[in-house]
């Protein structure tokens, strides 16, 4: 189980970056709580954590049914592509 403050802290950081949420605060908190569980299991760094949480929230905001695991698999593919691009740019 996550601490309430973890989801709240991520939300404050996302808001600072300009993210918004039109749903209920309790729904946002539950969603970010799920996101934090994924972060812990996959040991994401701070940048990837915020990117992941923002992507998850944006996906939910579109009104689509949310399967957090499916969204994370797609997110991992995007991250891998970003890291591969970075590696190619350093060679």
C-alpha atoms as a PDB file:
ATOM      1  CA  UNK A   1       0.000   0.000   0.000  1.00  0.00           C
ATOM      2  CA  UNK A   2       1.268   3.469  -0.798  1.00  0.00           C
ATOM      3  CA  UNK A   3       1.293   6.439   1.495  1.00  0.00           C
ATOM      4  CA  UNK A   4      -1.268   9.121   0.674  1.00  0.00           C
ATOM      5  CA  UNK A   5       1.495  11.685   0.476  1.00  0.00           C
ATOM      6  CA  UNK A   6       3.197   9.964  -2.478  1.00  0.00           C
ATOM      7  CA  UNK A   7       0.237  10.389  -4.822  1.00  0.00           C
ATOM      8  CA  UNK A   8      -0.305  13.924  -3.519  1.00  0.00           C
ATOM      9  CA  UNK A   9       3.341  14.854  -4.048  1.00  0.00           C
ATOM     10  CA  UNK A  10       3.276  13.608  -7.625  1.00  0.00           C
ATOM     11  CA  UNK A  11       0.102  15.574  -8.271  1.00  0.00           C
ATOM     12  CA  UNK A  12       1.674  18.788  -6.973  1.00  0.00           C
ATOM     13  CA  UNK A  13       4.681  18.236  -9.248  1.00  0.00           C
ATOM     14  CA  UNK A  14       2.422  17.558 -12.244  1.00  0.00           C
ATOM     15  CA  UNK A  15       0.380  20.681 -11.519  1.00  0.00           C
ATOM     16  CA  UNK A  16       3.575  22.718 -11.364  1.00  0.00           C
ATOM     17  CA  UNK A  17       4.309  21.428 -14.868  1.00  0.00           C
ATOM     18  CA  UNK A  18       0.901  22.586 -16.083  1.00  0.00           C
ATOM     19  CA  UNK A  19      -1.173  19.412 -15.857  1.00  0.00           C
ATOM     20  CA  UNK A  20      -4.839  19.677 -14.937  1.00  0.00           C
ATOM     21  CA  UNK A  21      -7.506  17.196 -13.824  1.00  0.00           C
ATOM     22  CA  UNK A  22     -11.233  17.634 -14.396  1.00  0.00           C
ATOM     23  CA  UNK A  23     -12.346  14.541 -12.475  1.00  0.00           C
ATOM     24  CA  UNK A  24     -12.920  13.994  -8.804  1.00  0.00           C
ATOM     25  CA  UNK A  25      -9.898  14.426  -6.523  1.00  0.00           C
ATOM     26  CA  UNK A  26     -10.497  10.934  -5.129  1.00  0.00           C
ATOM     27  CA  UNK A  27     -10.332   9.438  -8.652  1.00  0.00           C
ATOM     28  CA  UNK A  28      -7.102  11.320  -9.353  1.00  0.00           C
ATOM     29  CA  UNK A  29      -5.620  10.104  -6.085  1.00  0.00           C
ATOM     30  CA  UNK A  30      -6.586   6.474  -6.802  1.00  0.00           C
ATOM     31  CA  UNK A  31      -5.121   6.679 -10.297  1.00  0.00           C
ATOM     32  CA  UNK A  32      -1.852   8.168  -9.087  1.00  0.00           C
ATOM     33  CA  UNK A  33      -1.762   5.549  -6.354  1.00  0.00           C
ATOM     34  CA  UNK A  34      -1.842   2.850  -9.036  1.00  0.00           C
ATOM     35  CA  UNK A  35       0.855   4.702 -10.950  1.00  0.00           C
ATOM     36  CA  UNK A  36       3.077   4.806  -7.860  1.00  0.00           C
ATOM     37  CA  UNK A  37       2.723   1.040  -7.447  1.00  0.00           C
ATOM     38  CA  UNK A  38       4.035   0.583 -11.004  1.00  0.00           C
ATOM     39  CA  UNK A  39       6.880   3.016 -10.294  1.00  0.00           C
ATOM     40  CA  UNK A  40       7.936   0.963  -7.300  1.00  0.00           C
ATOM     41  CA  UNK A  41       7.816  -2.350  -9.174  1.00  0.00           C
ATOM     42  CA  UNK A  42       9.786  -1.012 -12.143  1.00  0.00           C
ATOM     43  CA  UNK A  43      12.173   1.315 -10.293  1.00  0.00           C
ATOM     44  CA  UNK A  44      11.572   4.325 -12.537  1.00  0.00           C
ATOM     45  CA  UNK A  45      13.697   7.425 -12.047  1.00  0.00           C
ATOM     46  CA  UNK A  46      12.113  10.806 -11.231  1.00  0.00           C
ATOM     47  CA  UNK A  47      11.802  11.955 -14.833  1.00  0.00           C
ATOM     48  CA  UNK A  48      10.279   8.683 -16.008  1.00  0.00           C
ATOM     49  CA  UNK A  49       7.940   8.681 -12.995  1.00  0.00           C
ATOM     50  CA  UNK A  50       6.501  12.086 -13.818  1.00  0.00           C
ATOM     51  CA  UNK A  51       6.275  11.263 -17.520  1.00  0.00           C
ATOM     52  CA  UNK A  52       4.504   7.988 -16.737  1.00  0.00           C
ATOM     53  CA  UNK A  53       2.024   9.627 -14.363  1.00  0.00           C
ATOM     54  CA  UNK A  54       1.271  12.416 -16.837  1.00  0.00           C
ATOM     55  CA  UNK A  55       0.712   9.900 -19.641  1.00  0.00           C
ATOM     56  CA  UNK A  56      -1.609   7.802 -17.496  1.00  0.00           C
ATOM     57  CA  UNK A  57      -3.635  10.831 -16.472  1.00  0.00           C
ATOM     58  CA  UNK A  58      -3.845  12.083 -20.051  1.00  0.00           C
ATOM     59  CA  UNK A  59      -5.079   8.691 -21.212  1.00  0.00           C
ATOM     60  CA  UNK A  60      -7.786   8.661 -18.546  1.00  0.00           C
ATOM     61  CA  UNK A  61      -8.761  12.232 -19.446  1.00  0.00           C
ATOM     62  CA  UNK A  62      -9.661  11.069 -22.962  1.00  0.00           C
ATOM     63  CA  UNK A  63     -12.487   9.061 -21.421  1.00  0.00           C
ATOM     64  CA  UNK A  64     -11.120   5.695 -22.458  1.00  0.00           C
ATOM     65  CA  UNK A  65     -11.366   2.648 -20.225  1.00  0.00           C
ATOM     66  CA  UNK A  66      -8.113   2.370 -18.310  1.00  0.00           C
ATOM     67  CA  UNK A  67      -5.993  -0.755 -18.113  1.00  0.00           C
ATOM     68  CA  UNK A  68      -2.953   0.519 -16.230  1.00  0.00           C
ATOM     69  CA  UNK A  69      -0.802  -2.483 -17.174  1.00  0.00           C
ATOM     70  CA  UNK A  70      -1.544  -2.073 -20.891  1.00  0.00           C
ATOM     71  CA  UNK A  71      -0.825   1.655 -20.781  1.00  0.00           C
ATOM     72  CA  UNK A  72       2.462   0.990 -18.975  1.00  0.00           C
ATOM     73  CA  UNK A  73       3.583  -1.553 -21.585  1.00  0.00           C
ATOM     74  CA  UNK A  74       3.063   1.085 -24.277  1.00  0.00           C
ATOM     75  CA  UNK A  75       4.842   3.649 -22.120  1.00  0.00           C
ATOM     76  CA  UNK A  76       7.840   1.314 -21.736  1.00  0.00           C
ATOM     77  CA  UNK A  77       8.021   0.960 -25.521  1.00  0.00           C
ATOM     78  CA  UNK A  78       8.033   4.744 -25.863  1.00  0.00           C
ATOM     79  CA  UNK A  79      10.759   5.060 -23.230  1.00  0.00           C
ATOM     80  CA  UNK A  80      12.874   2.432 -24.974  1.00  0.00           C
ATOM     81  CA  UNK A  81      12.533   4.353 -28.207  1.00  0.00           C
ATOM     82  CA  UNK A  82      13.570   7.583 -26.492  1.00  0.00           C
ATOM     83  CA  UNK A  83      16.605   5.940 -24.911  1.00  0.00           C
ATOM     84  CA  UNK A  84      17.583   4.323 -28.219  1.00  0.00           C
ATOM     85  CA  UNK A  85      17.391   7.728 -29.916  1.00  0.00           C
ATOM     86  CA  UNK A  86      19.565   9.252 -27.201  1.00  0.00           C
ATOM     87  CA  UNK A  87      22.164   6.513 -27.633  1.00  0.00           C
ATOM     88  CA  UNK A  88      22.254   7.006 -31.393  1.00  0.00           C
ATOM     89  CA  UNK A  89      22.765  10.743 -30.915  1.00  0.00           C
ATOM     90  CA  UNK A  90      25.807  10.178 -28.708  1.00  0.00           C
ATOM     91  CA  UNK A  91      27.650   7.908 -31.126  1.00  0.00           C
END
